[in-house]
Amino acid sequence: MEASPQRQPRCYARCRPMKLRIRGDSLRVRVSPAELDTLVAGGTVVDATHFGPEPQDCLRCELVADATIAELDAHLENRPDGRVIQVRVPAEPLRRIAASEEVGLHATKSIGGAGTLAILLEKDFRCLVPRSGEDDDGFTRPDDAPSC
């Protein structure tokens, strides 16, 4: 059953594409040059996956620059308009990455008895074999970057 335009989740209008990979207790987010610029300017980058027509059927990922933290942090929130994985990115290292060839940031977070969560934020480089719609806004690959 398709949702009518008036019933679409609120997150439809705010979303920008980003690449998110969840593998076990590891969360990796790849950002395009435009997304990195948005974060450096103090903006928020949001993307969503919709599992149904209702607002609560939406899983979003939000990237937020935060000048008050020293390393990456991530947490899961339940909101009336769906679940949100919020990744907070330290502002100073973010600016450093944007102005250099540095590829990304990595942190681990204790999740109690479940162990640790690995959090990675990386520049999204264009793949060696282009894929339609996925590499339109990627970083130019450095000569020594591994393949995708």
N, C-alpha and C. Protein backbone atom coordinates (compact mmCIF):
# COMPACT_ATOMS: atom_id res chain seq x y z
N MET A 1 0.84 -1.17 0.00
CA MET A 1 0.00 0.00 0.00
C MET A 1 0.90 1.24 0.00
N GLU A 2 0.66 2.16 -0.90
CA GLU A 2 1.44 3.39 -0.98
C GLU A 2 0.86 4.46 -0.09
N ALA A 3 1.74 5.25 0.49
CA ALA A 3 1.29 6.36 1.33
C ALA A 3 0.97 7.55 0.44
N SER A 4 -0.07 8.25 0.80
CA SER A 4 -0.38 9.48 0.07
C SER A 4 0.62 10.54 0.49
N PRO A 5 0.85 11.59 -0.33
CA PRO A 5 1.84 12.60 0.00
C PRO A 5 1.65 13.22 1.38
N GLN A 6 0.41 13.42 1.83
CA GLN A 6 0.20 14.04 3.13
C GLN A 6 0.54 13.09 4.29
N ARG A 7 0.70 11.79 4.04
CA ARG A 7 1.01 10.83 5.11
C ARG A 7 2.48 10.44 5.13
N GLN A 8 3.29 11.01 4.25
CA GLN A 8 4.71 10.66 4.24
C GLN A 8 5.39 11.14 5.51
N PRO A 9 6.36 10.38 5.99
CA PRO A 9 7.09 10.81 7.19
C PRO A 9 7.76 12.16 6.98
N ARG A 10 7.83 12.90 8.07
CA ARG A 10 8.43 14.23 8.01
C ARG A 10 9.86 14.20 7.51
N CYS A 11 10.55 13.10 7.71
CA CYS A 11 11.96 13.07 7.35
C CYS A 11 12.18 13.08 5.83
N TYR A 12 11.17 12.85 5.02
CA TYR A 12 11.34 12.88 3.58
C TYR A 12 11.93 14.21 3.11
N ALA A 13 11.43 15.32 3.62
CA ALA A 13 11.83 16.63 3.11
C ALA A 13 13.22 17.03 3.57
N ARG A 14 13.76 16.43 4.63
CA ARG A 14 15.03 16.86 5.20
C ARG A 14 16.20 16.01 4.75
N CYS A 15 15.97 14.93 4.05
CA CYS A 15 17.01 13.94 3.83
C CYS A 15 17.96 14.29 2.68
N ARG A 16 19.21 13.89 2.89
CA ARG A 16 20.25 13.95 1.87
C ARG A 16 20.86 12.56 1.83
N PRO A 17 21.27 12.10 0.67
CA PRO A 17 21.86 10.76 0.64
C PRO A 17 23.20 10.71 1.37
N MET A 18 23.43 9.64 2.09
CA MET A 18 24.73 9.36 2.69
C MET A 18 24.87 7.85 2.71
N LYS A 19 26.06 7.38 2.87
CA LYS A 19 26.28 5.93 2.91
C LYS A 19 26.50 5.51 4.35
N LEU A 20 25.71 4.53 4.77
CA LEU A 20 25.76 4.03 6.13
C LEU A 20 25.93 2.51 6.07
N ARG A 21 26.89 2.00 6.84
CA ARG A 21 27.06 0.55 6.92
C ARG A 21 27.03 0.14 8.39
N ILE A 22 26.17 -0.80 8.69
CA ILE A 22 26.11 -1.37 10.04
C ILE A 22 26.51 -2.84 9.88
N ARG A 23 27.54 -3.22 10.61
CA ARG A 23 28.01 -4.60 10.54
C ARG A 23 28.38 -5.02 11.95
N GLY A 24 27.55 -5.84 12.55
CA GLY A 24 27.77 -6.20 13.95
C GLY A 24 27.75 -4.94 14.80
N ASP A 25 28.73 -4.80 15.67
CA ASP A 25 28.83 -3.62 16.52
C ASP A 25 29.79 -2.60 15.91
N SER A 26 29.59 -2.34 14.64
CA SER A 26 30.41 -1.38 13.90
C SER A 26 29.48 -0.52 13.05
N LEU A 27 29.68 0.79 13.13
CA LEU A 27 28.87 1.75 12.38
C LEU A 27 29.83 2.59 11.55
N ARG A 28 29.67 2.57 10.23
CA ARG A 28 30.53 3.35 9.35
C ARG A 28 29.68 4.25 8.48
N VAL A 29 30.03 5.52 8.48
CA VAL A 29 29.32 6.51 7.66
C VAL A 29 30.33 7.12 6.71
N ARG A 30 29.98 7.14 5.44
CA ARG A 30 30.81 7.79 4.43
C ARG A 30 30.12 9.07 3.98
N VAL A 31 30.88 10.16 3.93
CA VAL A 31 30.31 11.45 3.56
C VAL A 31 30.94 11.98 2.28
N SER A 32 30.11 12.64 1.50
CA SER A 32 30.54 13.28 0.25
C SER A 32 31.18 14.63 0.57
N PRO A 33 31.83 15.25 -0.40
CA PRO A 33 32.38 16.59 -0.17
C PRO A 33 31.30 17.59 0.28
N ALA A 34 30.13 17.54 -0.33
CA ALA A 34 29.06 18.48 0.04
C ALA A 34 28.59 18.23 1.48
N GLU A 35 28.48 16.96 1.87
CA GLU A 35 28.07 16.63 3.24
C GLU A 35 29.13 17.08 4.25
N LEU A 36 30.39 16.89 3.90
CA LEU A 36 31.47 17.33 4.78
C LEU A 36 31.45 18.85 4.93
N ASP A 37 31.23 19.55 3.83
CA ASP A 37 31.12 21.02 3.89
C ASP A 37 29.96 21.45 4.78
N THR A 38 28.82 20.75 4.68
CA THR A 38 27.66 21.06 5.51
C THR A 38 28.00 20.90 6.99
N LEU A 39 28.69 19.81 7.34
CA LEU A 39 29.07 19.58 8.73
C LEU A 39 30.05 20.63 9.23
N VAL A 40 31.06 20.95 8.43
CA VAL A 40 32.05 21.96 8.83
C VAL A 40 31.37 23.31 9.07
N ALA A 41 30.34 23.61 8.30
CA ALA A 41 29.60 24.88 8.45
C ALA A 41 28.63 24.85 9.63
N GLY A 42 28.57 23.73 10.35
CA GLY A 42 27.69 23.63 11.51
C GLY A 42 26.32 23.06 11.22
N GLY A 43 26.13 22.57 10.00
CA GLY A 43 24.83 22.00 9.63
C GLY A 43 24.71 20.54 10.04
N THR A 44 23.56 19.97 9.76
CA THR A 44 23.26 18.58 10.05
C THR A 44 23.00 17.86 8.74
N VAL A 45 23.54 16.67 8.60
CA VAL A 45 23.29 15.84 7.42
C VAL A 45 22.38 14.70 7.86
N VAL A 46 21.29 14.48 7.12
CA VAL A 46 20.29 13.48 7.49
C VAL A 46 19.96 12.62 6.28
N ASP A 47 19.83 11.33 6.52
CA ASP A 47 19.32 10.42 5.51
C ASP A 47 18.36 9.47 6.20
N ALA A 48 17.49 8.83 5.44
CA ALA A 48 16.48 7.97 6.03
C ALA A 48 16.19 6.76 5.17
N THR A 49 15.77 5.70 5.85
CA THR A 49 15.26 4.51 5.19
C THR A 49 13.86 4.30 5.74
N HIS A 50 12.92 4.11 4.83
CA HIS A 50 11.51 3.97 5.22
C HIS A 50 11.09 2.52 5.06
N PHE A 51 10.54 1.97 6.15
CA PHE A 51 10.09 0.59 6.15
C PHE A 51 8.58 0.48 6.02
N GLY A 52 7.91 1.59 5.93
CA GLY A 52 6.46 1.63 5.81
C GLY A 52 6.00 3.07 5.66
N PRO A 53 4.70 3.29 5.56
CA PRO A 53 4.17 4.63 5.27
C PRO A 53 4.05 5.56 6.47
N GLU A 54 4.13 5.03 7.67
CA GLU A 54 3.93 5.84 8.87
C GLU A 54 5.24 6.49 9.32
N PRO A 55 5.17 7.63 9.98
CA PRO A 55 6.38 8.31 10.46
C PRO A 55 7.26 7.41 11.33
N GLN A 56 6.66 6.60 12.18
CA GLN A 56 7.45 5.74 13.05
C GLN A 56 8.11 4.58 12.30
N ASP A 57 7.80 4.42 11.02
CA ASP A 57 8.42 3.38 10.19
C ASP A 57 9.73 3.86 9.56
N CYS A 58 10.22 5.00 9.99
CA CYS A 58 11.40 5.63 9.41
C CYS A 58 12.61 5.42 10.32
N LEU A 59 13.73 5.00 9.74
CA LEU A 59 15.00 4.95 10.46
C LEU A 59 15.91 5.99 9.82
N ARG A 60 16.31 6.98 10.63
CA ARG A 60 17.16 8.05 10.11
C ARG A 60 18.56 7.94 10.68
N CYS A 61 19.50 8.49 9.96
CA CYS A 61 20.85 8.69 10.48
C CYS A 61 21.13 10.17 10.38
N GLU A 62 21.51 10.78 11.50
CA GLU A 62 21.84 12.20 11.54
C GLU A 62 23.31 12.35 11.90
N LEU A 63 24.01 13.18 11.14
CA LEU A 63 25.37 13.56 11.47
C LEU A 63 25.34 14.99 11.93
N VAL A 64 25.93 15.24 13.10
CA VAL A 64 25.91 16.57 13.69
C VAL A 64 27.32 16.93 14.15
N ALA A 65 27.82 18.10 13.74
CA ALA A 65 29.10 18.58 14.25
C ALA A 65 28.89 19.09 15.68
N ASP A 66 29.85 18.80 16.55
CA ASP A 66 29.70 19.18 17.96
C ASP A 66 31.05 19.66 18.49
N ALA A 67 31.14 20.94 18.83
CA ALA A 67 32.39 21.53 19.32
C ALA A 67 32.68 21.14 20.77
N THR A 68 31.75 20.48 21.44
CA THR A 68 31.94 20.16 22.86
C THR A 68 32.50 18.76 23.11
N ILE A 69 32.73 17.98 22.04
CA ILE A 69 33.23 16.62 22.23
C ILE A 69 34.61 16.47 21.58
N ALA A 70 35.37 15.48 22.05
CA ALA A 70 36.72 15.25 21.53
C ALA A 70 36.79 14.08 20.55
N GLU A 71 35.80 13.19 20.58
CA GLU A 71 35.82 12.06 19.65
C GLU A 71 34.41 11.72 19.19
N LEU A 72 34.34 10.94 18.12
CA LEU A 72 33.04 10.53 17.59
C LEU A 72 32.20 9.88 18.68
N ASP A 73 30.89 10.09 18.58
CA ASP A 73 29.95 9.45 19.49
C ASP A 73 28.71 9.10 18.69
N ALA A 74 28.03 8.04 19.07
CA ALA A 74 26.79 7.64 18.40
C ALA A 74 25.83 7.07 19.42
N HIS A 75 24.56 7.33 19.18
CA HIS A 75 23.53 6.74 20.02
C HIS A 75 22.24 6.60 19.21
N LEU A 76 21.34 5.77 19.72
CA LEU A 76 20.06 5.50 19.07
C LEU A 76 18.97 6.17 19.87
N GLU A 77 18.09 6.92 19.20
CA GLU A 77 16.98 7.60 19.85
C GLU A 77 15.66 7.11 19.28
N ASN A 78 14.66 6.98 20.15
CA ASN A 78 13.29 6.75 19.71
C ASN A 78 12.58 8.09 19.72
N ARG A 79 12.08 8.51 18.57
CA ARG A 79 11.36 9.77 18.46
C ARG A 79 9.98 9.49 17.89
N PRO A 80 9.04 10.41 18.07
CA PRO A 80 7.69 10.19 17.53
C PRO A 80 7.69 9.96 16.01
N ASP A 81 8.68 10.52 15.31
CA ASP A 81 8.73 10.36 13.86
C ASP A 81 9.71 9.28 13.43
N GLY A 82 10.04 8.35 14.33
CA GLY A 82 10.87 7.22 13.96
C GLY A 82 12.12 7.11 14.82
N ARG A 83 12.93 6.12 14.50
CA ARG A 83 14.18 5.91 15.22
C ARG A 83 15.29 6.68 14.52
N VAL A 84 16.24 7.17 15.32
CA VAL A 84 17.33 7.97 14.79
C VAL A 84 18.66 7.46 15.33
N ILE A 85 19.58 7.18 14.42
CA ILE A 85 20.97 6.95 14.80
C ILE A 85 21.64 8.31 14.68
N GLN A 86 22.04 8.87 15.80
CA GLN A 86 22.69 10.18 15.76
C GLN A 86 24.19 10.00 15.99
N VAL A 87 24.97 10.49 15.04
CA VAL A 87 26.42 10.46 15.13
C VAL A 87 26.89 11.88 15.34
N ARG A 88 27.53 12.11 16.48
CA ARG A 88 28.07 13.44 16.79
C ARG A 88 29.55 13.42 16.44
N VAL A 89 29.96 14.44 15.68
CA VAL A 89 31.32 14.50 15.15
C VAL A 89 32.04 15.69 15.79
N PRO A 90 33.23 15.48 16.36
CA PRO A 90 33.95 16.60 16.97
C PRO A 90 34.35 17.63 15.91
N ALA A 91 34.07 18.89 16.19
CA ALA A 91 34.23 19.96 15.20
C ALA A 91 35.68 20.17 14.75
N GLU A 92 36.62 20.18 15.68
CA GLU A 92 38.01 20.48 15.29
C GLU A 92 38.61 19.40 14.39
N PRO A 93 38.53 18.11 14.75
CA PRO A 93 39.02 17.08 13.83
C PRO A 93 38.27 17.09 12.50
N LEU A 94 37.02 17.45 12.51
CA LEU A 94 36.22 17.54 11.29
C LEU A 94 36.81 18.59 10.34
N ARG A 95 37.15 19.74 10.89
CA ARG A 95 37.77 20.80 10.07
C ARG A 95 39.13 20.34 9.53
N ARG A 96 39.88 19.64 10.37
CA ARG A 96 41.20 19.15 9.95
C ARG A 96 41.06 18.18 8.77
N ILE A 97 40.10 17.27 8.85
CA ILE A 97 39.89 16.30 7.78
C ILE A 97 39.46 16.99 6.50
N ALA A 98 38.58 17.97 6.62
CA ALA A 98 38.08 18.67 5.44
C ALA A 98 39.20 19.42 4.72
N ALA A 99 40.22 19.86 5.45
CA ALA A 99 41.29 20.65 4.86
C ALA A 99 42.53 19.83 4.51
N SER A 100 42.43 18.51 4.60
CA SER A 100 43.62 17.68 4.37
C SER A 100 43.28 16.43 3.57
N GLU A 101 44.29 15.61 3.38
CA GLU A 101 44.12 14.32 2.71
C GLU A 101 43.71 13.21 3.70
N GLU A 102 43.60 13.57 4.97
CA GLU A 102 43.19 12.59 5.98
C GLU A 102 41.83 12.02 5.59
N VAL A 103 41.67 10.72 5.76
CA VAL A 103 40.49 10.02 5.26
C VAL A 103 39.30 10.05 6.21
N GLY A 104 39.53 10.00 7.52
CA GLY A 104 38.38 9.96 8.42
C GLY A 104 38.74 9.91 9.88
N LEU A 105 37.73 9.62 10.69
CA LEU A 105 37.84 9.53 12.14
C LEU A 105 37.35 8.16 12.59
N HIS A 106 37.89 7.70 13.70
CA HIS A 106 37.49 6.42 14.26
C HIS A 106 37.44 6.55 15.77
N ALA A 107 36.45 5.94 16.39
CA ALA A 107 36.36 5.90 17.85
C ALA A 107 35.68 4.61 18.25
N THR A 108 35.87 4.23 19.49
CA THR A 108 35.13 3.11 20.05
C THR A 108 34.38 3.63 21.27
N LYS A 109 33.22 3.04 21.49
CA LYS A 109 32.35 3.45 22.59
C LYS A 109 31.96 2.21 23.38
N SER A 110 32.10 2.27 24.68
CA SER A 110 31.66 1.17 25.52
C SER A 110 30.14 1.08 25.48
N ILE A 111 29.65 -0.13 25.28
CA ILE A 111 28.20 -0.34 25.30
C ILE A 111 27.84 -1.36 26.39
N GLY A 112 28.55 -1.19 27.50
CA GLY A 112 28.27 -2.03 28.67
C GLY A 112 28.58 -3.49 28.43
N GLY A 113 27.70 -4.36 28.89
CA GLY A 113 27.90 -5.79 28.77
C GLY A 113 27.93 -6.29 27.34
N ALA A 114 27.49 -5.47 26.40
CA ALA A 114 27.50 -5.87 24.99
C ALA A 114 28.87 -5.66 24.35
N GLY A 115 29.81 -5.01 25.05
CA GLY A 115 31.15 -4.81 24.49
C GLY A 115 31.41 -3.38 24.08
N THR A 116 31.84 -3.22 22.83
CA THR A 116 32.15 -1.88 22.31
C THR A 116 31.52 -1.69 20.93
N LEU A 117 31.23 -0.45 20.63
CA LEU A 117 30.74 -0.06 19.32
C LEU A 117 31.86 0.69 18.62
N ALA A 118 32.25 0.24 17.43
CA ALA A 118 33.23 0.95 16.61
C ALA A 118 32.46 1.96 15.75
N ILE A 119 32.93 3.20 15.75
CA ILE A 119 32.27 4.27 14.99
C ILE A 119 33.31 4.85 14.03
N LEU A 120 32.95 4.89 12.75
CA LEU A 120 33.86 5.43 11.75
C LEU A 120 33.14 6.47 10.90
N LEU A 121 33.80 7.55 10.63
CA LEU A 121 33.33 8.57 9.69
C LEU A 121 34.42 8.70 8.66
N GLU A 122 34.09 8.50 7.39
CA GLU A 122 35.10 8.52 6.33
C GLU A 122 34.65 9.35 5.15
N LYS A 123 35.62 9.89 4.45
CA LYS A 123 35.33 10.52 3.16
C LYS A 123 34.89 9.41 2.22
N ASP A 124 33.92 9.71 1.38
CA ASP A 124 33.42 8.73 0.41
C ASP A 124 34.12 8.97 -0.91
N PHE A 125 35.05 8.07 -1.24
CA PHE A 125 35.79 8.18 -2.49
C PHE A 125 35.04 7.50 -3.62
N ARG A 126 35.22 8.02 -4.82
CA ARG A 126 34.61 7.38 -5.99
C ARG A 126 35.21 6.00 -6.16
N CYS A 127 34.38 5.05 -6.53
CA CYS A 127 34.84 3.68 -6.73
C CYS A 127 35.59 3.53 -8.04
N LEU A 128 36.43 2.51 -8.11
CA LEU A 128 37.16 2.23 -9.34
C LEU A 128 36.21 1.86 -10.46
N VAL A 129 35.16 1.12 -10.11
CA VAL A 129 34.12 0.75 -11.07
C VAL A 129 32.89 1.57 -10.72
N PRO A 130 32.59 2.62 -11.51
CA PRO A 130 31.45 3.49 -11.18
C PRO A 130 30.13 2.74 -11.10
N ARG A 131 29.31 3.15 -10.14
CA ARG A 131 27.96 2.60 -9.97
C ARG A 131 26.99 3.75 -10.10
N SER A 132 26.03 3.62 -10.94
CA SER A 132 25.06 4.68 -11.21
C SER A 132 24.41 5.18 -9.93
N GLY A 133 24.47 6.49 -9.72
CA GLY A 133 23.81 7.12 -8.59
C GLY A 133 24.57 7.06 -7.28
N GLU A 134 25.69 6.33 -7.22
CA GLU A 134 26.42 6.20 -5.96
C GLU A 134 27.68 7.05 -5.90
N ASP A 135 28.25 7.39 -7.02
CA ASP A 135 29.52 8.11 -7.02
C ASP A 135 29.40 9.51 -7.58
N ASP A 136 28.20 10.03 -7.67
CA ASP A 136 27.99 11.33 -8.28
C ASP A 136 28.70 12.46 -7.54
N ASP A 137 28.86 12.33 -6.22
CA ASP A 137 29.42 13.41 -5.42
C ASP A 137 30.53 12.90 -4.51
N GLY A 138 31.33 11.93 -4.98
CA GLY A 138 32.39 11.39 -4.14
C GLY A 138 33.67 12.19 -4.25
N PHE A 139 34.55 11.97 -3.28
CA PHE A 139 35.88 12.59 -3.33
C PHE A 139 36.68 11.93 -4.44
N THR A 140 37.57 12.70 -5.05
CA THR A 140 38.47 12.14 -6.05
C THR A 140 39.42 11.21 -5.32
N ARG A 141 39.64 10.04 -5.89
CA ARG A 141 40.48 9.03 -5.25
C ARG A 141 41.94 9.43 -5.27
N PRO A 142 42.62 9.32 -4.13
CA PRO A 142 44.07 9.50 -4.16
C PRO A 142 44.69 8.30 -4.87
N ASP A 143 45.85 8.46 -5.42
CA ASP A 143 46.48 7.37 -6.20
C ASP A 143 46.65 6.09 -5.42
N ASP A 144 46.88 6.18 -4.12
CA ASP A 144 47.16 4.98 -3.34
C ASP A 144 45.96 4.47 -2.54
N ALA A 145 44.77 4.98 -2.80
CA ALA A 145 43.59 4.52 -2.04
C ALA A 145 43.21 3.11 -2.45
N PRO A 146 42.83 2.26 -1.49
CA PRO A 146 42.39 0.91 -1.85
C PRO A 146 41.07 0.97 -2.61
N SER A 147 40.79 -0.09 -3.36
CA SER A 147 39.54 -0.12 -4.12
C SER A 147 38.36 -0.31 -3.17
N CYS A 148 37.15 0.01 -3.64
CA CYS A 148 35.94 -0.09 -2.82
C CYS A 148 35.57 -1.52 -2.54
